[in-house]
Amino acid sequence: MSHTPHELVNEFPEHADRIHTLRLGNAHFVKLSDQYHAVNREIHRGETDIEPMDDLHLEELKKKRLALLDQITEFLD
């Protein structure tokens, strides 16, 4: 298991320019990406025991991150 945060630009390196453009001009995309980053940071803190959490909560956060990624992917396709 990697404890490296899953940043959007790392998840979609081929869409870095599109992500930047969407963050400048699409309020819904900004909201989704901000939520993704917040959940991602919380997962990272849990995985590295900076903020210990039980496995169930960590799995729920990972599912939420995947759901957000699905929504973000719709903007990038």
PDB file of N, CA and C in Angstrom:
ATOM      1  N   MET A   1       0.844  -1.178   0.000  1.00  0.00           N
ATOM      2  CA  MET A   1       0.000   0.000   0.000  1.00  0.00           C
ATOM      3  C   MET A   1       0.887   1.237   0.000  1.00  0.00           C
ATOM      4  N   SER A   2       0.590   2.134  -0.886  1.00  0.00           N
ATOM      5  CA  SER A   2       1.341   3.377  -0.989  1.00  0.00           C
ATOM      6  C   SER A   2       0.711   4.434  -0.096  1.00  0.00           C
ATOM      7  N   HIS A   3       1.552   5.206   0.545  1.00  0.00           N
ATOM      8  CA  HIS A   3       1.048   6.285   1.393  1.00  0.00           C
ATOM      9  C   HIS A   3       1.236   7.638   0.717  1.00  0.00           C
ATOM     10  N   THR A   4       1.392   7.618  -0.589  1.00  0.00           N
ATOM     11  CA  THR A   4       1.529   8.848  -1.347  1.00  0.00           C
ATOM     12  C   THR A   4       0.134   9.355  -1.700  1.00  0.00           C
ATOM     13  N   PRO A   5      -0.143  10.624  -1.448  1.00  0.00           N
ATOM     14  CA  PRO A   5      -1.467  11.148  -1.802  1.00  0.00           C
ATOM     15  C   PRO A   5      -1.744  11.002  -3.299  1.00  0.00           C
ATOM     16  N   HIS A   6      -2.992  10.765  -3.650  1.00  0.00           N
ATOM     17  CA  HIS A   6      -3.418  10.600  -5.041  1.00  0.00           C
ATOM     18  C   HIS A   6      -3.888  11.954  -5.575  1.00  0.00           C
ATOM     19  N   GLU A   7      -2.980  12.807  -5.962  1.00  0.00           N
ATOM     20  CA  GLU A   7      -3.360  14.121  -6.479  1.00  0.00           C
ATOM     21  C   GLU A   7      -4.006  13.962  -7.852  1.00  0.00           C
ATOM     22  N   LEU A   8      -4.962  14.830  -8.178  1.00  0.00           N
ATOM     23  CA  LEU A   8      -5.673  14.731  -9.449  1.00  0.00           C
ATOM     24  C   LEU A   8      -4.731  14.757 -10.648  1.00  0.00           C
ATOM     25  N   VAL A   9      -3.757  15.625 -10.625  1.00  0.00           N
ATOM     26  CA  VAL A   9      -2.844  15.743 -11.764  1.00  0.00           C
ATOM     27  C   VAL A   9      -2.013  14.466 -11.917  1.00  0.00           C
ATOM     28  N   ASN A  10      -1.744  13.784 -10.814  1.00  0.00           N
ATOM     29  CA  ASN A  10      -1.028  12.513 -10.887  1.00  0.00           C
ATOM     30  C   ASN A  10      -1.948  11.392 -11.362  1.00  0.00           C
ATOM     31  N   GLU A  11      -3.220  11.474 -11.002  1.00  0.00           N
ATOM     32  CA  GLU A  11      -4.193  10.474 -11.442  1.00  0.00           C
ATOM     33  C   GLU A  11      -4.463  10.597 -12.942  1.00  0.00           C
ATOM     34  N   PHE A  12      -4.466  11.834 -13.437  1.00  0.00           N
ATOM     35  CA  PHE A  12      -4.782  12.105 -14.844  1.00  0.00           C
ATOM     36  C   PHE A  12      -3.710  13.000 -15.474  1.00  0.00           C
ATOM     37  N   PRO A  13      -2.473  12.537 -15.578  1.00  0.00           N
ATOM     38  CA  PRO A  13      -1.412  13.413 -16.093  1.00  0.00           C
ATOM     39  C   PRO A  13      -1.678  13.894 -17.523  1.00  0.00           C
ATOM     40  N   GLU A  14      -2.389  13.089 -18.302  1.00  0.00           N
ATOM     41  CA  GLU A  14      -2.678  13.471 -19.687  1.00  0.00           C
ATOM     42  C   GLU A  14      -3.730  14.580 -19.762  1.00  0.00           C
ATOM     43  N   HIS A  15      -4.391  14.867 -18.645  1.00  0.00           N
ATOM     44  CA  HIS A  15      -5.433  15.902 -18.604  1.00  0.00           C
ATOM     45  C   HIS A  15      -5.048  17.098 -17.728  1.00  0.00           C
ATOM     46  N   ALA A  16      -3.779  17.271 -17.468  1.00  0.00           N
ATOM     47  CA  ALA A  16      -3.337  18.353 -16.576  1.00  0.00           C
ATOM     48  C   ALA A  16      -3.836  19.717 -17.049  1.00  0.00           C
ATOM     49  N   ASP A  17      -3.734  19.985 -18.351  1.00  0.00           N
ATOM     50  CA  ASP A  17      -4.193  21.277 -18.873  1.00  0.00           C
ATOM     51  C   ASP A  17      -5.700  21.426 -18.740  1.00  0.00           C
ATOM     52  N   ARG A  18      -6.421  20.358 -19.021  1.00  0.00           N
ATOM     53  CA  ARG A  18      -7.888  20.389 -18.912  1.00  0.00           C
ATOM     54  C   ARG A  18      -8.311  20.614 -17.458  1.00  0.00           C
ATOM     55  N   ILE A  19      -7.656  19.952 -16.521  1.00  0.00           N
ATOM     56  CA  ILE A  19      -7.952  20.138 -15.091  1.00  0.00           C
ATOM     57  C   ILE A  19      -7.743  21.597 -14.713  1.00  0.00           C
ATOM     58  N   HIS A  20      -6.649  22.166 -15.158  1.00  0.00           N
ATOM     59  CA  HIS A  20      -6.361  23.576 -14.854  1.00  0.00           C
ATOM     60  C   HIS A  20      -7.452  24.488 -15.420  1.00  0.00           C
ATOM     61  N   THR A  21      -7.824  24.254 -16.668  1.00  0.00           N
ATOM     62  CA  THR A  21      -8.855  25.075 -17.312  1.00  0.00           C
ATOM     63  C   THR A  21     -10.190  24.938 -16.589  1.00  0.00           C
ATOM     64  N   LEU A  22     -10.561  23.719 -16.250  1.00  0.00           N
ATOM     65  CA  LEU A  22     -11.824  23.502 -15.530  1.00  0.00           C
ATOM     66  C   LEU A  22     -11.808  24.164 -14.160  1.00  0.00           C
ATOM     67  N   ARG A  23     -10.677  24.135 -13.490  1.00  0.00           N
ATOM     68  CA  ARG A  23     -10.584  24.768 -12.162  1.00  0.00           C
ATOM     69  C   ARG A  23     -10.727  26.281 -12.270  1.00  0.00           C
ATOM     70  N   LEU A  24     -10.397  26.836 -13.410  1.00  0.00           N
ATOM     71  CA  LEU A  24     -10.528  28.286 -13.599  1.00  0.00           C
ATOM     72  C   LEU A  24     -11.948  28.714 -13.968  1.00  0.00           C
ATOM     73  N   GLY A  25     -12.710  27.810 -14.605  1.00  0.00           N
ATOM     74  CA  GLY A  25     -13.971  28.285 -15.146  1.00  0.00           C
ATOM     75  C   GLY A  25     -15.205  27.450 -14.891  1.00  0.00           C
ATOM     76  N   ASN A  26     -15.125  26.405 -14.086  1.00  0.00           N
ATOM     77  CA  ASN A  26     -16.293  25.569 -13.858  1.00  0.00           C
ATOM     78  C   ASN A  26     -16.471  25.354 -12.353  1.00  0.00           C
ATOM     79  N   ALA A  27     -17.462  26.021 -11.804  1.00  0.00           N
ATOM     80  CA  ALA A  27     -17.674  25.991 -10.352  1.00  0.00           C
ATOM     81  C   ALA A  27     -17.970  24.580  -9.835  1.00  0.00           C
ATOM     82  N   HIS A  28     -18.712  23.795 -10.599  1.00  0.00           N
ATOM     83  CA  HIS A  28     -19.021  22.434 -10.140  1.00  0.00           C
ATOM     84  C   HIS A  28     -17.753  21.576 -10.115  1.00  0.00           C
ATOM     85  N   PHE A  29     -16.914  21.719 -11.129  1.00  0.00           N
ATOM     86  CA  PHE A  29     -15.656  20.971 -11.148  1.00  0.00           C
ATOM     87  C   PHE A  29     -14.776  21.390  -9.970  1.00  0.00           C
ATOM     88  N   VAL A  30     -14.737  22.670  -9.681  1.00  0.00           N
ATOM     89  CA  VAL A  30     -13.949  23.171  -8.544  1.00  0.00           C
ATOM     90  C   VAL A  30     -14.451  22.526  -7.252  1.00  0.00           C
ATOM     91  N   LYS A  31     -15.776  22.473  -7.086  1.00  0.00           N
ATOM     92  CA  LYS A  31     -16.349  21.867  -5.881  1.00  0.00           C
ATOM     93  C   LYS A  31     -15.961  20.394  -5.784  1.00  0.00           C
ATOM     94  N   LEU A  32     -16.090  19.653  -6.880  1.00  0.00           N
ATOM     95  CA  LEU A  32     -15.726  18.236  -6.884  1.00  0.00           C
ATOM     96  C   LEU A  32     -14.247  18.033  -6.592  1.00  0.00           C
ATOM     97  N   SER A  33     -13.398  18.821  -7.234  1.00  0.00           N
ATOM     98  CA  SER A  33     -11.961  18.639  -7.029  1.00  0.00           C
ATOM     99  C   SER A  33     -11.553  19.051  -5.615  1.00  0.00           C
ATOM    100  N   ASP A  34     -12.188  20.072  -5.063  1.00  0.00           N
ATOM    101  CA  ASP A  34     -11.906  20.452  -3.674  1.00  0.00           C
ATOM    102  C   ASP A  34     -12.338  19.344  -2.703  1.00  0.00           C
ATOM    103  N   GLN A  35     -13.501  18.751  -2.964  1.00  0.00           N
ATOM    104  CA  GLN A  35     -13.958  17.637  -2.130  1.00  0.00           C
ATOM    105  C   GLN A  35     -12.997  16.461  -2.260  1.00  0.00           C
ATOM    106  N   TYR A  36     -12.552  16.182  -3.493  1.00  0.00           N
ATOM    107  CA  TYR A  36     -11.605  15.095  -3.721  1.00  0.00           C
ATOM    108  C   TYR A  36     -10.331  15.328  -2.916  1.00  0.00           C
ATOM    109  N   HIS A  37      -9.793  16.535  -2.993  1.00  0.00           N
ATOM    110  CA  HIS A  37      -8.551  16.840  -2.272  1.00  0.00           C
ATOM    111  C   HIS A  37      -8.736  16.729  -0.755  1.00  0.00           C
ATOM    112  N   ALA A  38      -9.884  17.159  -0.247  1.00  0.00           N
ATOM    113  CA  ALA A  38     -10.142  17.067   1.191  1.00  0.00           C
ATOM    114  C   ALA A  38     -10.216  15.600   1.638  1.00  0.00           C
ATOM    115  N   VAL A  39     -10.939  14.780   0.888  1.00  0.00           N
ATOM    116  CA  VAL A  39     -11.042  13.361   1.228  1.00  0.00           C
ATOM    117  C   VAL A  39      -9.680  12.696   1.081  1.00  0.00           C
ATOM    118  N   ASN A  40      -8.979  13.048   0.031  1.00  0.00           N
ATOM    119  CA  ASN A  40      -7.660  12.478  -0.217  1.00  0.00           C
ATOM    120  C   ASN A  40      -6.691  12.791   0.927  1.00  0.00           C
ATOM    121  N   ARG A  41      -6.707  14.014   1.404  1.00  0.00           N
ATOM    122  CA  ARG A  41      -5.843  14.396   2.533  1.00  0.00           C
ATOM    123  C   ARG A  41      -6.216  13.611   3.788  1.00  0.00           C
ATOM    124  N   GLU A  42      -7.536  13.432   3.999  1.00  0.00           N
ATOM    125  CA  GLU A  42      -7.981  12.683   5.179  1.00  0.00           C
ATOM    126  C   GLU A  42      -7.526  11.220   5.094  1.00  0.00           C
ATOM    127  N   ILE A  43      -7.619  10.636   3.907  1.00  0.00           N
ATOM    128  CA  ILE A  43      -7.141   9.262   3.706  1.00  0.00           C
ATOM    129  C   ILE A  43      -5.648   9.185   3.971  1.00  0.00           C
ATOM    130  N   HIS A  44      -4.909  10.121   3.450  1.00  0.00           N
ATOM    131  CA  HIS A  44      -3.449  10.135   3.640  1.00  0.00           C
ATOM    132  C   HIS A  44      -3.101  10.229   5.127  1.00  0.00           C
ATOM    133  N   ARG A  45      -3.805  11.105   5.857  1.00  0.00           N
ATOM    134  CA  ARG A  45      -3.550  11.234   7.300  1.00  0.00           C
ATOM    135  C   ARG A  45      -3.877   9.939   8.033  1.00  0.00           C
ATOM    136  N   GLY A  46      -4.941   9.256   7.601  1.00  0.00           N
ATOM    137  CA  GLY A  46      -5.311   7.991   8.231  1.00  0.00           C
ATOM    138  C   GLY A  46      -4.317   6.882   7.918  1.00  0.00           C
ATOM    139  N   GLU A  47      -3.882   6.809   6.678  1.00  0.00           N
ATOM    140  CA  GLU A  47      -2.947   5.748   6.281  1.00  0.00           C
ATOM    141  C   GLU A  47      -1.574   5.905   6.926  1.00  0.00           C
ATOM    142  N   THR A  48      -1.187   7.133   7.211  1.00  0.00           N
ATOM    143  CA  THR A  48       0.132   7.378   7.796  1.00  0.00           C
ATOM    144  C   THR A  48       0.071   7.526   9.310  1.00  0.00           C
ATOM    145  N   ASP A  49      -1.094   7.288   9.895  1.00  0.00           N
ATOM    146  CA  ASP A  49      -1.319   7.379  11.342  1.00  0.00           C
ATOM    147  C   ASP A  49      -1.062   8.772  11.919  1.00  0.00           C
ATOM    148  N   ILE A  50      -1.092   9.776  11.077  1.00  0.00           N
ATOM    149  CA  ILE A  50      -1.063  11.149  11.571  1.00  0.00           C
ATOM    150  C   ILE A  50      -2.372  11.403  12.315  1.00  0.00           C
ATOM    151  N   GLU A  51      -3.449  10.860  11.757  1.00  0.00           N
ATOM    152  CA  GLU A  51      -4.781  10.934  12.367  1.00  0.00           C
ATOM    153  C   GLU A  51      -5.354   9.514  12.325  1.00  0.00           C
ATOM    154  N   PRO A  52      -5.029   8.685  13.311  1.00  0.00           N
ATOM    155  CA  PRO A  52      -5.475   7.285  13.286  1.00  0.00           C
ATOM    156  C   PRO A  52      -6.988   7.167  13.152  1.00  0.00           C
ATOM    157  N   MET A  53      -7.413   6.164  12.377  1.00  0.00           N
ATOM    158  CA  MET A  53      -8.839   5.899  12.189  1.00  0.00           C
ATOM    159  C   MET A  53      -9.025   4.406  11.987  1.00  0.00           C
ATOM    160  N   ASP A  54     -10.234   3.952  12.253  1.00  0.00           N
ATOM    161  CA  ASP A  54     -10.487   2.520  12.088  1.00  0.00           C
ATOM    162  C   ASP A  54     -10.596   2.180  10.598  1.00  0.00           C
ATOM    163  N   ASP A  55     -10.430   0.906  10.304  1.00  0.00           N
ATOM    164  CA  ASP A  55     -10.416   0.438   8.917  1.00  0.00           C
ATOM    165  C   ASP A  55     -11.725   0.717   8.191  1.00  0.00           C
ATOM    166  N   LEU A  56     -12.844   0.607   8.882  1.00  0.00           N
ATOM    167  CA  LEU A  56     -14.144   0.845   8.259  1.00  0.00           C
ATOM    168  C   LEU A  56     -14.252   2.290   7.777  1.00  0.00           C
ATOM    169  N   HIS A  57     -13.853   3.221   8.615  1.00  0.00           N
ATOM    170  CA  HIS A  57     -13.906   4.636   8.223  1.00  0.00           C
ATOM    171  C   HIS A  57     -12.969   4.897   7.040  1.00  0.00           C
ATOM    172  N   LEU A  58     -11.786   4.316   7.070  1.00  0.00           N
ATOM    173  CA  LEU A  58     -10.824   4.491   5.984  1.00  0.00           C
ATOM    174  C   LEU A  58     -11.399   3.935   4.679  1.00  0.00           C
ATOM    175  N   GLU A  59     -12.031   2.789   4.724  1.00  0.00           N
ATOM    176  CA  GLU A  59     -12.631   2.204   3.522  1.00  0.00           C
ATOM    177  C   GLU A  59     -13.776   3.063   2.998  1.00  0.00           C
ATOM    178  N   GLU A  60     -14.577   3.638   3.901  1.00  0.00           N
ATOM    179  CA  GLU A  60     -15.658   4.537   3.485  1.00  0.00           C
ATOM    180  C   GLU A  60     -15.097   5.754   2.771  1.00  0.00           C
ATOM    181  N   LEU A  61     -14.003   6.299   3.293  1.00  0.00           N
ATOM    182  CA  LEU A  61     -13.366   7.450   2.651  1.00  0.00           C
ATOM    183  C   LEU A  61     -12.830   7.075   1.269  1.00  0.00           C
ATOM    184  N   LYS A  62     -12.259   5.900   1.146  1.00  0.00           N
ATOM    185  CA  LYS A  62     -11.732   5.463  -0.151  1.00  0.00           C
ATOM    186  C   LYS A  62     -12.867   5.294  -1.168  1.00  0.00           C
ATOM    187  N   LYS A  63     -14.008   4.801  -0.722  1.00  0.00           N
ATOM    188  CA  LYS A  63     -15.166   4.679  -1.613  1.00  0.00           C
ATOM    189  C   LYS A  63     -15.658   6.055  -2.045  1.00  0.00           C
ATOM    190  N   LYS A  64     -15.647   6.994  -1.111  1.00  0.00           N
ATOM    191  CA  LYS A  64     -16.058   8.364  -1.440  1.00  0.00           C
ATOM    192  C   LYS A  64     -15.090   8.965  -2.452  1.00  0.00           C
ATOM    193  N   ARG A  65     -13.781   8.715  -2.269  1.00  0.00           N
ATOM    194  CA  ARG A  65     -12.792   9.232  -3.213  1.00  0.00           C
ATOM    195  C   ARG A  65     -13.028   8.656  -4.606  1.00  0.00           C
ATOM    196  N   LEU A  66     -13.318   7.362  -4.685  1.00  0.00           N
ATOM    197  CA  LEU A  66     -13.590   6.737  -5.981  1.00  0.00           C
ATOM    198  C   LEU A  66     -14.840   7.324  -6.638  1.00  0.00           C
ATOM    199  N   ALA A  67     -15.869   7.574  -5.847  1.00  0.00           N
ATOM    200  CA  ALA A  67     -17.088   8.176  -6.397  1.00  0.00           C
ATOM    201  C   ALA A  67     -16.800   9.569  -6.944  1.00  0.00           C
ATOM    202  N   LEU A  68     -15.999  10.334  -6.223  1.00  0.00           N
ATOM    203  CA  LEU A  68     -15.619  11.663  -6.710  1.00  0.00           C
ATOM    204  C   LEU A  68     -14.786  11.559  -7.981  1.00  0.00           C
ATOM    205  N   LEU A  69     -13.875  10.588  -8.030  1.00  0.00           N
ATOM    206  CA  LEU A  69     -13.068  10.382  -9.243  1.00  0.00           C
ATOM    207  C   LEU A  69     -13.958  10.057 -10.437  1.00  0.00           C
ATOM    208  N   ASP A  70     -14.991   9.255 -10.215  1.00  0.00           N
ATOM    209  CA  ASP A  70     -15.921   8.935 -11.305  1.00  0.00           C
ATOM    210  C   ASP A  70     -16.582  10.199 -11.847  1.00  0.00           C
ATOM    211  N   GLN A  71     -17.010  11.071 -10.941  1.00  0.00           N
ATOM    212  CA  GLN A  71     -17.650  12.319 -11.374  1.00  0.00           C
ATOM    213  C   GLN A  71     -16.660  13.238 -12.089  1.00  0.00           C
ATOM    214  N   ILE A  72     -15.451  13.293 -11.575  1.00  0.00           N
ATOM    215  CA  ILE A  72     -14.407  14.128 -12.191  1.00  0.00           C
ATOM    216  C   ILE A  72     -14.051  13.609 -13.564  1.00  0.00           C
ATOM    217  N   THR A  73     -13.987  12.285 -13.706  1.00  0.00           N
ATOM    218  CA  THR A  73     -13.662  11.670 -14.993  1.00  0.00           C
ATOM    219  C   THR A  73     -14.663  12.067 -16.065  1.00  0.00           C
ATOM    220  N   GLU A  74     -15.923  12.224 -15.702  1.00  0.00           N
ATOM    221  CA  GLU A  74     -16.943  12.638 -16.667  1.00  0.00           C
ATOM    222  C   GLU A  74     -16.599  13.991 -17.291  1.00  0.00           C
ATOM    223  N   PHE A  75     -15.986  14.876 -16.533  1.00  0.00           N
ATOM    224  CA  PHE A  75     -15.573  16.176 -17.059  1.00  0.00           C
ATOM    225  C   PHE A  75     -14.375  16.047 -18.002  1.00  0.00           C
ATOM    226  N   LEU A  76     -13.574  15.020 -17.816  1.00  0.00           N
ATOM    227  CA  LEU A  76     -12.319  14.904 -18.559  1.00  0.00           C
ATOM    228  C   LEU A  76     -12.465  14.096 -19.840  1.00  0.00           C
ATOM    229  N   ASP A  77     -13.548  13.334 -19.967  1.00  0.00           N
ATOM    230  CA  ASP A  77     -13.750  12.527 -21.181  1.00  0.00           C
ATOM    231  C   ASP A  77     -14.345  13.330 -22.298  1.00  0.00           C
TER     232      ASP A  77
END
